[in-house]
Amino acid sequence: VTWKSDLQQTPNGRNVVNMIISVPDKKKETSTSYKLSVWDKQAGYVLEYIRIKQMITAQGQLSIEH
């Protein structure tokens, strides 16, 4: 985790926390960054338990936006 937002609320009343995660490329000495959004009740857990520079495992639905 390289960055984490504060708790935000959408106009519909849903809670969301956004994070930037860095995934190392095993074949090169580079990494790729991705935005990860955590919604509703789990967003509160992210604020409480996940810290910058912490390694995490994420599971969920993938949606790619350009």
C-alpha atoms as a PDB file:
ATOM      1  CA  VAL A   1       0.000   0.000   0.000  1.00  0.00           C
ATOM      2  CA  THR A   2       1.581   3.268  -1.088  1.00  0.00           C
ATOM      3  CA  TRP A   3      -1.319   5.681  -0.427  1.00  0.00           C
ATOM      4  CA  LYS A   4      -4.684   5.581   1.373  1.00  0.00           C
ATOM      5  CA  SER A   5      -7.512   8.132   1.339  1.00  0.00           C
ATOM      6  CA  ASP A   6      -9.731   9.136   4.216  1.00  0.00           C
ATOM      7  CA  LEU A   7     -13.238   7.719   4.428  1.00  0.00           C
ATOM      8  CA  GLN A   8     -15.412   9.297   1.754  1.00  0.00           C
ATOM      9  CA  GLN A   9     -19.144   9.032   1.171  1.00  0.00           C
ATOM     10  CA  THR A  10     -20.811   8.911  -2.241  1.00  0.00           C
ATOM     11  CA  PRO A  11     -23.992  10.911  -2.992  1.00  0.00           C
ATOM     12  CA  ASN A  12     -25.875   7.602  -2.557  1.00  0.00           C
ATOM     13  CA  GLY A  13     -24.561   7.261   1.007  1.00  0.00           C
ATOM     14  CA  ARG A  14     -22.023   4.471   0.390  1.00  0.00           C
ATOM     15  CA  ASN A  15     -18.695   4.638   2.206  1.00  0.00           C
ATOM     16  CA  VAL A  16     -15.499   4.182   0.218  1.00  0.00           C
ATOM     17  CA  VAL A  17     -11.760   4.241   0.884  1.00  0.00           C
ATOM     18  CA  ASN A  18      -9.361   4.401  -2.063  1.00  0.00           C
ATOM     19  CA  MET A  19      -5.814   3.062  -1.966  1.00  0.00           C
ATOM     20  CA  ILE A  20      -2.909   2.909  -4.366  1.00  0.00           C
ATOM     21  CA  ILE A  21      -1.138  -0.439  -4.293  1.00  0.00           C
ATOM     22  CA  SER A  22       2.153  -1.252  -5.955  1.00  0.00           C
ATOM     23  CA  VAL A  23       2.615  -4.718  -7.457  1.00  0.00           C
ATOM     24  CA  PRO A  24       6.216  -5.714  -8.242  1.00  0.00           C
ATOM     25  CA  ASP A  25       7.029  -7.256 -11.611  1.00  0.00           C
ATOM     26  CA  LYS A  26       8.928 -10.475 -10.882  1.00  0.00           C
ATOM     27  CA  LYS A  27      10.746 -10.413 -14.241  1.00  0.00           C
ATOM     28  CA  LYS A  28      11.881  -6.772 -14.040  1.00  0.00           C
ATOM     29  CA  GLU A  29      12.965  -4.424 -11.295  1.00  0.00           C
ATOM     30  CA  THR A  30       9.829  -2.310 -11.712  1.00  0.00           C
ATOM     31  CA  SER A  31       6.349  -2.279 -10.304  1.00  0.00           C
ATOM     32  CA  THR A  32       2.866  -1.333 -11.475  1.00  0.00           C
ATOM     33  CA  SER A  33       0.503   0.792  -9.381  1.00  0.00           C
ATOM     34  CA  TYR A  34      -3.232   0.174  -9.157  1.00  0.00           C
ATOM     35  CA  LYS A  35      -6.076   2.061  -7.513  1.00  0.00           C
ATOM     36  CA  LEU A  36      -8.031  -0.168  -5.155  1.00  0.00           C
ATOM     37  CA  SER A  37     -11.445   0.925  -3.839  1.00  0.00           C
ATOM     38  CA  VAL A  38     -12.937  -0.676  -0.747  1.00  0.00           C
ATOM     39  CA  TRP A  39     -16.658  -0.153  -0.180  1.00  0.00           C
ATOM     40  CA  ASP A  40     -19.208   0.040   2.631  1.00  0.00           C
ATOM     41  CA  LYS A  41     -18.481  -1.780   5.898  1.00  0.00           C
ATOM     42  CA  GLN A  42     -15.070  -3.027   4.739  1.00  0.00           C
ATOM     43  CA  ALA A  43     -13.960   0.585   4.149  1.00  0.00           C
ATOM     44  CA  GLY A  44     -13.997   1.178   7.909  1.00  0.00           C
ATOM     45  CA  TYR A  45     -11.822  -1.874   8.476  1.00  0.00           C
ATOM     46  CA  VAL A  46      -9.295  -0.553   5.950  1.00  0.00           C
ATOM     47  CA  LEU A  47      -8.998   2.706   7.879  1.00  0.00           C
ATOM     48  CA  GLU A  48      -8.487   0.878  11.140  1.00  0.00           C
ATOM     49  CA  TYR A  49      -6.167  -1.970  10.153  1.00  0.00           C
ATOM     50  CA  ILE A  50      -4.272  -1.184   6.925  1.00  0.00           C
ATOM     51  CA  ARG A  51      -1.228   1.076   7.007  1.00  0.00           C
ATOM     52  CA  ILE A  52       1.049   2.616   4.375  1.00  0.00           C
ATOM     53  CA  LYS A  53       3.919   0.263   3.326  1.00  0.00           C
ATOM     54  CA  GLN A  54       1.933  -2.740   4.563  1.00  0.00           C
ATOM     55  CA  MET A  55       1.781  -5.773   2.285  1.00  0.00           C
ATOM     56  CA  ILE A  56      -1.797  -6.911   1.648  1.00  0.00           C
ATOM     57  CA  THR A  57      -3.663  -9.536  -0.317  1.00  0.00           C
ATOM     58  CA  ALA A  58      -6.756  -8.303  -2.145  1.00  0.00           C
ATOM     59  CA  GLN A  59      -9.640 -10.346  -3.502  1.00  0.00           C
ATOM     60  CA  GLY A  60     -12.713  -9.156  -5.329  1.00  0.00           C
ATOM     61  CA  GLN A  61     -14.184  -8.040  -8.613  1.00  0.00           C
ATOM     62  CA  LEU A  62     -11.729  -6.492 -11.070  1.00  0.00           C
ATOM     63  CA  SER A  63     -12.729  -3.411 -13.024  1.00  0.00           C
ATOM     64  CA  ILE A  64     -10.181  -1.585 -15.153  1.00  0.00           C
ATOM     65  CA  GLU A  65     -10.693   2.092 -16.016  1.00  0.00           C
ATOM     66  CA  HIS A  66      -8.418   4.217 -18.193  1.00  0.00           C
END
